[in-house]
Each structure stands twice: as structure tokens, then as C-alpha cells.
Amino acid sequence: MNTIKDTTRPVFPFTAIVGQEEMKLALILNVIDPKIGGVMIMGDRGTGKSTTIRAIADLLPKISVIVDDPFNSDPNDYEAMSDITKNFLNSRKPVKTTLINVPMVDLPLGATEDRVCGTIDIEKALNEGIKTFEPGLLAKANRGILYVDEVNLLDDHLVDVLLDSSASGWNTVEREGISLRHPARFVLVGSGNPEEGELRPQLLDRFGMHAEIKTVKDPSLRVQIVEQRSQFDQDPFGCIQEYADKQDLLKSQIIDAQKLLPEVIIDFSLRMKISQICGKLDVDGLRGDIVTNRAAKAFAAYNRRNKVDISDVKKVITLCLRHRLRKDPLESMDSGIRVEQVSSEILND
């Protein structure tokens, strides 16, 4: 029987992270419902962005995949398979399955489009008539989490490719008239430091949620964070063991929420209020309305309820709308505070 010490690289436990509740909530809700559309985390250096994102992946239950399948295909979901996997299944060869950890893929800043999307071997395709596909990072991230650190420094074209795949759930590679499509369903998580430049508004709008995190100012909390980190560095496996029960509890809460989610309903009156808020804030398009509805349902499911109430909407609406407001150079108020003010007025009516 495997013990915890078999873990190749110990990951800081998610439940041991002190503070940064907004970022943690955004990640949990995206894991419960990946259709929320990912999360953009902007904040100061050294605030635990990368640590938290890696920790959420470690918290998720293992997934069933077809052995040697480059796309981590679900053996029970035929519609979400690539043509390569479907052809293999149709050949009636025995299919082996295994359980793997949810993939957590890091996208390096210098990555090329071929490295991200994958490539087709043109020579082999023309000479032998065989489509040979070299999978990219999008294939590896299927059914997992794709993490882009310093997303505001990434080439705009690549960010567009990532957001398109994230929204559609598919990646299409075309080379010299040869086309191949494979599933790319993942939670897209971007992080960055606003001092290093902002993301273009049209790209920022494509992220479902936007969490802003600031350096903790409270001295007692800072001491607690430093002690927590020191304890983990000295004895990582002891720290993992200490938080094992809390990790298991949160894991089961997420699984229960995923199962309950299809049953969660949101009243017409509440949907009207969400759209009223988006209208009053002058939010372009309907993405804000859709994401807020999804996030409120996910939050209700996380709290074991099958009906959304006003408190659920209040909890998620700032995360869903603050990055969708038009930038006014003369406006001194923070966009998050504006969302809170308008939503309080309308929801408390």
C-alpha cells in the first residue's frame, strides 16, 4: 500500500494557506464548474499566487483515463474524444484504463504556438497518408488546470488561442490543409503583477473571474504565514499529514457540489437583478450576466443548497464583474467597490 512519502514532489496543502479568501473561492468555484471560464489573479509579488494554484490541483480527486491516450480521454465520454481515440475504440482493441492525478500544466512565457497547440508531421502525412500528431500543452491540460504565470507578459495571440480553446473545449490544429481536432477542456488560471502591465480589456473580459490580492498587512497574520511556510519547508510530509483530514473534507465538499450542481436553480427575479446590475454598471456584452449566474449556482452547490439566494449572488458578483467595467481615467473609485455599491442597491431593493 502506498504511503504519503511516495509523493514525488510535496505540494503545500490548500487548507493550510492563510488568508487570500477571494482567490481561494474563485479557484474552488471554477473547479466545481469549469464552464465559469477560468480565473485571472492579479496581485503583488510574493502573495502566494502560484502556491495556491498548485495546491488546488493537488486537492482534486483522481480521474479515470485511457492508458497511453495523449489527451487524458474519459473512457465513459465518447463525445468528448478526439478522432484518434475514437478510431482506436472502434478498432475493438482492448482498452485499458487507469487513474491519474488531475493534470496541472504550467505554460512557460517563451512557449511557441506549436508547443502550445501541438504539431502535425506533414512529411509523414504526405508520404504515408498517416496523421501523426505531436501533442502540445493544451492536450496535456485536457480535464485539468492550465496555469499561465505572468499572463500579462504573454504574447496576445497566444492568450487568444488559450481563451478560445478554454471557451470551446476543443483545440484545432491546421497545417498545409491537414486538420486535426482534439478535446481541450481545462480550467484556465492566469496570474500577474499589475505593475508589469495590464492585459488588453478584450482579453481580460474572456476570463470568467478576476481576483485581486494584496499583501497581508496584519502582523499576526504575517507571522502565521511565515511559520506555516517554515514548518512545511522543514517537514513537508509531516505538514501534509497534519492537514490530511481538512484536505479530505474539502475534497468531498467539492465532489458533492459537482454532483449537486445540475439540480441547482436560480429564480427569474434574481436573474433579472443580476442583469439589472450589469446594465447599470454599463458592462459590455452578456458574458458578465452568464458568468455571475453560473458562479452563484456553483457557490450554492458548494454550500449544499439547490436554490440560489441573494447572499450567493453578493458573494460572487464582484469576482465576476470587476474586470468588465470600462476604465474611466477620471474615476477614482476602485472597480470592485463600484460593483459592490451597485449590487447592494439593487439586491437590497
Protein backbone atom coordinates (compact mmCIF):
# COMPACT_ATOMS: atom_id res chain seq x y z
CA MET A 1 0.00 0.00 0.00
CA ASN A 2 1.32 3.46 -0.95
CA THR A 3 2.12 5.91 1.82
CA ILE A 4 2.18 9.69 1.61
CA LYS A 5 6.00 9.55 1.42
CA ASP A 6 5.73 8.09 -2.10
CA THR A 7 4.70 11.53 -3.39
CA THR A 8 7.39 12.72 -5.77
CA ARG A 9 7.12 16.43 -5.05
CA PRO A 10 5.29 17.53 -1.91
CA VAL A 11 2.69 20.25 -2.54
CA PHE A 12 1.74 22.81 0.10
CA PRO A 13 -1.77 21.86 1.39
CA PHE A 14 -4.58 24.13 0.12
CA THR A 15 -6.29 24.16 3.52
CA ALA A 16 -3.05 25.34 5.19
CA ILE A 17 -2.98 28.58 3.16
CA VAL A 18 -3.72 31.55 5.41
CA GLY A 19 -5.84 34.43 4.07
CA GLN A 20 -6.41 35.23 0.35
CA GLU A 21 -10.03 34.01 0.66
CA GLU A 22 -11.12 35.69 -2.60
CA MET A 23 -8.53 33.85 -4.67
CA LYS A 24 -9.28 30.51 -2.96
CA LEU A 25 -13.03 30.90 -3.52
CA ALA A 26 -12.55 31.77 -7.22
CA LEU A 27 -10.42 28.63 -7.74
CA ILE A 28 -12.87 26.35 -5.88
CA LEU A 29 -15.86 27.65 -7.89
CA ASN A 30 -14.00 27.14 -11.19
CA VAL A 31 -13.18 23.59 -10.19
CA ILE A 32 -16.85 22.92 -9.30
CA ASP A 33 -17.98 24.38 -12.65
CA PRO A 34 -15.17 24.78 -15.23
CA LYS A 35 -17.68 26.50 -17.58
CA ILE A 36 -17.34 29.63 -15.42
CA GLY A 37 -14.38 30.30 -17.69
CA GLY A 38 -11.26 30.37 -15.56
CA VAL A 39 -9.82 32.98 -13.25
CA MET A 40 -7.35 35.83 -13.59
CA ILE A 41 -5.43 36.52 -10.38
CA MET A 42 -3.72 39.91 -10.16
CA GLY A 43 -1.67 40.85 -7.14
CA ASP A 44 1.61 41.87 -5.58
CA ARG A 45 4.75 39.75 -5.78
CA GLY A 46 5.12 37.04 -3.13
CA THR A 47 1.44 36.82 -2.16
CA GLY A 48 1.16 33.06 -2.71
CA LYS A 49 -0.50 33.08 -6.16
CA SER A 50 1.47 30.15 -7.62
CA THR A 51 1.44 28.20 -4.32
CA THR A 52 -2.38 28.40 -4.10
CA ILE A 53 -2.94 27.39 -7.73
CA ARG A 54 -0.67 24.33 -7.44
CA ALA A 55 -2.35 23.42 -4.16
CA ILE A 56 -5.88 23.35 -5.67
CA ALA A 57 -4.77 20.82 -8.33
CA ASP A 58 -3.37 18.54 -5.65
CA LEU A 59 -6.69 18.69 -3.80
CA LEU A 60 -8.80 17.31 -6.66
CA PRO A 61 -9.90 13.65 -6.89
CA LYS A 62 -8.11 11.38 -9.39
CA ILE A 63 -9.65 10.98 -12.84
CA SER A 64 -10.11 7.86 -14.97
CA VAL A 65 -8.25 7.96 -18.33
CA ILE A 66 -7.49 5.62 -21.24
CA VAL A 67 -3.92 4.29 -20.91
CA ASP A 68 -1.41 5.85 -23.37
CA ASP A 69 -4.00 8.37 -24.60
CA PRO A 70 -2.26 11.74 -25.13
CA PHE A 71 -5.46 13.68 -24.37
CA ASN A 72 -6.38 12.16 -20.95
CA SER A 73 -9.67 10.99 -22.51
CA ASP A 74 -12.51 9.90 -20.25
CA PRO A 75 -13.32 6.25 -21.18
CA ASN A 76 -17.02 6.94 -20.47
CA ASP A 77 -17.40 10.10 -22.56
CA TYR A 78 -17.30 9.14 -26.25
CA GLU A 79 -18.45 12.58 -27.49
CA ALA A 80 -15.50 14.34 -25.82
CA MET A 81 -12.86 12.18 -27.54
CA SER A 82 -10.59 13.06 -30.44
CA ASP A 83 -10.90 11.22 -33.77
CA ILE A 84 -7.63 9.40 -32.95
CA THR A 85 -9.12 7.97 -29.73
CA LYS A 86 -12.47 7.17 -31.40
CA ASN A 87 -10.69 5.24 -34.20
CA PHE A 88 -8.77 3.26 -31.59
CA LEU A 89 -12.01 2.39 -29.74
CA ASN A 90 -13.77 1.46 -32.98
CA SER A 91 -10.94 -0.95 -33.86
CA ARG A 92 -12.24 -3.14 -30.98
CA LYS A 93 -8.80 -3.45 -29.41
CA PRO A 94 -8.84 -3.97 -25.62
CA VAL A 95 -8.99 -0.63 -23.79
CA LYS A 96 -7.05 -0.26 -20.56
CA THR A 97 -7.91 2.48 -18.10
CA THR A 98 -6.05 3.93 -15.14
CA LEU A 99 -6.50 6.64 -12.50
CA ILE A 100 -4.25 9.70 -12.64
CA ASN A 101 -3.95 12.95 -10.71
CA VAL A 102 -5.75 15.90 -12.29
CA PRO A 103 -3.20 17.36 -14.77
CA MET A 104 -1.61 20.63 -13.73
CA VAL A 105 0.21 22.15 -16.69
CA ASP A 106 2.45 25.23 -16.47
CA LEU A 107 2.72 27.32 -19.61
CA PRO A 108 6.19 28.90 -19.87
CA LEU A 109 6.43 32.52 -21.02
CA GLY A 110 8.61 31.70 -24.03
CA ALA A 111 6.29 28.96 -25.39
CA THR A 112 5.65 28.92 -29.14
CA GLU A 113 2.27 28.28 -30.76
CA ASP A 114 3.42 24.78 -31.84
CA ARG A 115 4.43 23.97 -28.26
CA VAL A 116 1.01 25.11 -27.00
CA CYS A 117 -1.27 23.65 -29.72
CA GLY A 118 0.80 20.69 -30.92
CA THR A 119 2.05 19.90 -34.43
CA ILE A 120 1.17 17.59 -37.33
CA ASP A 121 4.04 15.72 -39.02
CA ILE A 122 3.45 16.97 -42.60
CA GLU A 123 6.12 14.74 -44.19
CA LYS A 124 4.59 11.55 -42.77
CA ALA A 125 1.08 12.70 -43.67
CA LEU A 126 2.02 13.35 -47.31
CA ASN A 127 4.28 10.33 -47.83
CA GLU A 128 2.46 7.67 -45.83
CA GLY A 129 -1.03 9.13 -45.52
CA ILE A 130 -0.86 8.90 -41.72
CA LYS A 131 -1.86 11.79 -39.47
CA THR A 132 0.90 11.86 -36.86
CA PHE A 133 0.17 14.37 -34.15
CA GLU A 134 2.69 15.62 -31.61
CA PRO A 135 0.50 16.80 -28.68
CA GLY A 136 1.09 20.22 -27.18
CA LEU A 137 0.37 21.68 -23.76
CA LEU A 138 -3.37 22.03 -24.50
CA ALA A 139 -3.61 18.24 -24.99
CA LYS A 140 -1.79 17.61 -21.71
CA ALA A 141 -4.06 20.06 -19.87
CA ASN A 142 -7.31 18.39 -21.03
CA ARG A 143 -9.55 17.67 -17.98
CA GLY A 144 -7.10 19.56 -15.77
CA ILE A 145 -5.76 23.02 -14.97
CA LEU A 146 -3.65 25.16 -17.29
CA TYR A 147 -1.67 27.76 -15.37
CA VAL A 148 -0.12 30.79 -17.04
CA ASP A 149 2.10 32.83 -14.73
CA GLU A 150 2.69 36.45 -15.79
CA VAL A 151 -0.14 36.13 -18.36
CA ASN A 152 0.05 39.91 -18.93
CA LEU A 153 3.54 39.41 -20.43
CA LEU A 154 2.44 36.59 -22.77
CA ASP A 155 2.03 37.28 -26.49
CA ASP A 156 -1.56 38.47 -27.16
CA HIS A 157 -2.03 35.93 -29.96
CA LEU A 158 -1.19 33.04 -27.61
CA VAL A 159 -3.55 34.36 -24.93
CA ASP A 160 -6.26 34.43 -27.62
CA VAL A 161 -5.56 30.78 -28.55
CA LEU A 162 -5.77 29.73 -24.89
CA LEU A 163 -9.02 31.60 -24.30
CA ASP A 164 -10.60 30.18 -27.49
CA SER A 165 -9.74 26.62 -26.51
CA SER A 166 -10.88 27.19 -22.93
CA ALA A 167 -14.26 28.55 -24.10
CA SER A 168 -14.97 25.93 -26.79
CA GLY A 169 -13.36 22.91 -25.09
CA TRP A 170 -11.59 21.95 -28.36
CA ASN A 171 -8.25 22.71 -30.00
CA THR A 172 -7.96 22.58 -33.79
CA VAL A 173 -4.53 22.27 -35.41
CA GLU A 174 -4.27 23.02 -39.15
CA ARG A 175 -1.11 22.63 -41.18
CA GLU A 176 -0.88 22.68 -45.00
CA GLY A 177 -4.53 21.71 -45.47
CA ILE A 178 -4.40 18.89 -42.91
CA SER A 179 -6.64 19.41 -39.91
CA LEU A 180 -6.89 17.66 -36.54
CA ARG A 181 -9.15 18.40 -33.59
CA HIS A 182 -8.83 17.22 -30.01
CA PRO A 183 -10.56 17.98 -26.68
CA ALA A 184 -9.04 20.77 -24.57
CA ARG A 185 -11.34 21.17 -21.58
CA PHE A 186 -9.43 22.80 -18.78
CA VAL A 187 -9.68 25.46 -16.11
CA LEU A 188 -7.57 28.37 -17.30
CA VAL A 189 -5.81 30.20 -14.48
CA GLY A 190 -3.72 33.26 -15.20
CA SER A 191 -1.74 35.31 -12.73
CA GLY A 192 0.21 38.51 -12.96
CA ASN A 193 1.51 41.62 -11.26
CA PRO A 194 -0.33 44.81 -12.35
CA GLU A 195 2.96 46.76 -12.07
CA GLU A 196 4.24 44.81 -15.08
CA GLY A 197 1.37 45.89 -17.35
CA GLU A 198 -2.32 45.21 -17.78
CA LEU A 199 -3.96 42.65 -20.04
CA ARG A 200 -5.91 44.08 -23.00
CA PRO A 201 -9.58 44.68 -21.96
CA GLN A 202 -10.98 42.35 -24.66
CA LEU A 203 -8.73 39.51 -23.41
CA LEU A 204 -9.40 40.28 -19.73
CA ASP A 205 -13.16 40.11 -20.41
CA ARG A 206 -12.76 36.49 -21.59
CA PHE A 207 -11.68 35.33 -18.13
CA GLY A 208 -14.72 34.28 -16.09
CA MET A 209 -13.47 35.72 -12.81
CA HIS A 210 -10.91 38.26 -11.67
CA ALA A 211 -9.43 38.04 -8.17
CA GLU A 212 -7.35 40.87 -6.77
CA ILE A 213 -4.99 40.01 -3.96
CA LYS A 214 -2.95 42.32 -1.80
CA THR A 215 -0.09 41.78 0.62
CA VAL A 216 -1.33 40.95 4.12
CA LYS A 217 -0.76 43.94 6.43
CA ASP A 218 -1.78 42.40 9.80
CA PRO A 219 1.48 41.49 11.66
CA SER A 220 -0.03 38.46 13.45
CA LEU A 221 -1.28 37.02 10.14
CA ARG A 222 2.11 37.62 8.51
CA VAL A 223 3.83 35.75 11.36
CA GLN A 224 1.33 32.89 10.97
CA ILE A 225 2.04 32.66 7.21
CA VAL A 226 5.83 32.67 7.75
CA GLU A 227 5.57 29.97 10.45
CA GLN A 228 3.33 27.86 8.21
CA ARG A 229 5.81 28.06 5.35
CA SER A 230 8.81 27.31 7.60
CA GLN A 231 7.04 24.28 9.04
CA PHE A 232 6.34 22.97 5.52
CA ASP A 233 9.93 23.54 4.36
CA GLN A 234 11.34 21.69 7.40
CA ASP A 235 8.95 18.71 7.28
CA PRO A 236 6.71 18.75 4.17
CA PHE A 237 5.26 15.26 4.69
CA GLY A 238 4.51 15.97 8.35
CA CYS A 239 2.66 19.15 7.31
CA ILE A 240 0.69 17.25 4.62
CA GLN A 241 -0.24 14.60 7.21
CA GLU A 242 -1.37 17.29 9.67
CA TYR A 243 -3.81 18.77 7.16
CA ALA A 244 -4.92 15.45 5.62
CA ASP A 245 -8.35 15.47 7.36
CA LYS A 246 -9.11 19.06 6.33
CA GLN A 247 -7.99 18.28 2.76
CA ASP A 248 -10.26 15.21 2.61
CA LEU A 249 -13.20 17.23 3.94
CA LEU A 250 -12.77 19.96 1.32
CA LYS A 251 -12.25 17.34 -1.40
CA SER A 252 -15.55 15.63 -0.53
CA GLN A 253 -17.29 19.05 -0.37
CA ILE A 254 -16.11 19.81 -3.94
CA ILE A 255 -17.21 16.36 -5.22
CA ASP A 256 -20.65 16.76 -3.58
CA ALA A 257 -21.00 20.25 -5.10
CA GLN A 258 -20.13 18.92 -8.59
CA LYS A 259 -22.86 16.27 -8.24
CA LEU A 260 -25.45 18.75 -6.90
CA LEU A 261 -24.71 21.49 -9.47
CA PRO A 262 -27.10 20.26 -12.26
CA GLU A 263 -30.01 20.42 -9.78
CA VAL A 264 -29.34 23.99 -8.59
CA ILE A 265 -31.92 26.56 -9.72
CA ILE A 266 -31.91 30.35 -9.74
CA ASP A 267 -35.20 32.30 -9.64
CA PHE A 268 -36.21 34.56 -12.53
CA SER A 269 -36.38 37.57 -10.17
CA LEU A 270 -32.76 37.02 -9.12
CA ARG A 271 -31.63 36.60 -12.73
CA MET A 272 -33.37 39.89 -13.51
CA LYS A 273 -31.50 41.62 -10.69
CA ILE A 274 -28.15 40.27 -11.95
CA SER A 275 -28.87 41.67 -15.44
CA GLN A 276 -30.06 44.95 -13.89
CA ILE A 277 -26.71 45.28 -12.08
CA CYS A 278 -24.78 44.54 -15.30
CA GLY A 279 -26.88 47.14 -17.16
CA LYS A 280 -26.39 49.83 -14.52
CA LEU A 281 -22.61 49.21 -14.45
CA ASP A 282 -22.57 49.54 -18.27
CA VAL A 283 -20.98 46.10 -18.73
CA ASP A 284 -20.39 45.34 -22.42
CA GLY A 285 -21.90 42.14 -23.79
CA LEU A 286 -23.65 39.38 -21.87
CA ARG A 287 -20.66 37.47 -20.56
CA GLY A 288 -20.97 39.13 -17.14
CA ASP A 289 -24.61 38.01 -16.75
CA ILE A 290 -23.83 34.42 -17.79
CA VAL A 291 -20.77 34.04 -15.55
CA THR A 292 -22.50 35.55 -12.50
CA ASN A 293 -25.41 33.12 -12.90
CA ARG A 294 -23.01 30.16 -13.18
CA ALA A 295 -20.85 31.27 -10.25
CA ALA A 296 -23.87 31.85 -7.97
CA LYS A 297 -25.13 28.32 -8.76
CA ALA A 298 -21.67 26.85 -8.04
CA PHE A 299 -21.48 28.73 -4.73
CA ALA A 300 -24.96 27.49 -3.71
CA ALA A 301 -23.92 23.90 -4.57
CA TYR A 302 -20.70 24.35 -2.57
CA ASN A 303 -22.90 25.28 0.42
CA ARG A 304 -25.07 22.18 -0.16
CA ARG A 305 -28.13 24.14 -1.33
CA ASN A 306 -30.12 23.51 -4.52
CA LYS A 307 -31.51 27.04 -4.79
CA VAL A 308 -29.55 30.28 -5.21
CA ASP A 309 -30.33 33.11 -2.78
CA ILE A 310 -29.27 36.78 -2.64
CA SER A 311 -26.26 36.05 -0.38
CA ASP A 312 -24.79 33.73 -3.08
CA VAL A 313 -25.01 36.48 -5.71
CA LYS A 314 -23.48 39.06 -3.34
CA LYS A 315 -20.57 36.71 -2.62
CA VAL A 316 -19.58 36.13 -6.27
CA ILE A 317 -20.69 39.20 -8.24
CA THR A 318 -17.58 41.32 -7.59
CA LEU A 319 -15.33 38.46 -8.75
CA CYS A 320 -17.39 38.14 -11.94
CA LEU A 321 -17.79 41.82 -12.90
CA ARG A 322 -14.93 43.97 -11.60
CA HIS A 323 -12.74 43.41 -14.69
CA ARG A 324 -15.59 44.08 -17.14
CA LEU A 325 -16.17 47.76 -16.24
CA ARG A 326 -15.00 50.41 -18.66
CA LYS A 327 -11.89 52.20 -17.48
CA ASP A 328 -12.54 55.87 -16.75
CA PRO A 329 -9.30 57.84 -16.19
CA LEU A 330 -11.22 60.42 -14.12
CA GLU A 331 -12.83 57.77 -11.88
CA SER A 332 -11.04 57.49 -8.53
CA MET A 333 -13.21 54.68 -7.13
CA ASP A 334 -11.92 51.10 -7.38
CA SER A 335 -14.00 49.00 -9.82
CA GLY A 336 -14.59 46.32 -7.16
CA ILE A 337 -16.10 48.89 -4.78
CA ARG A 338 -18.34 50.23 -7.59
CA VAL A 339 -19.67 46.69 -8.24
CA GLU A 340 -20.33 46.21 -4.51
CA GLN A 341 -22.19 49.53 -4.21
CA VAL A 342 -24.45 49.00 -7.23
CA SER A 343 -25.17 45.34 -6.39
CA SER A 344 -26.06 46.28 -2.78
CA GLU A 345 -28.50 48.95 -4.01
CA ILE A 346 -30.29 46.61 -6.43
CA LEU A 347 -30.17 43.36 -4.42
CA ASN A 348 -31.41 45.06 -1.22
CA ASP A 349 -34.41 46.61 -3.01
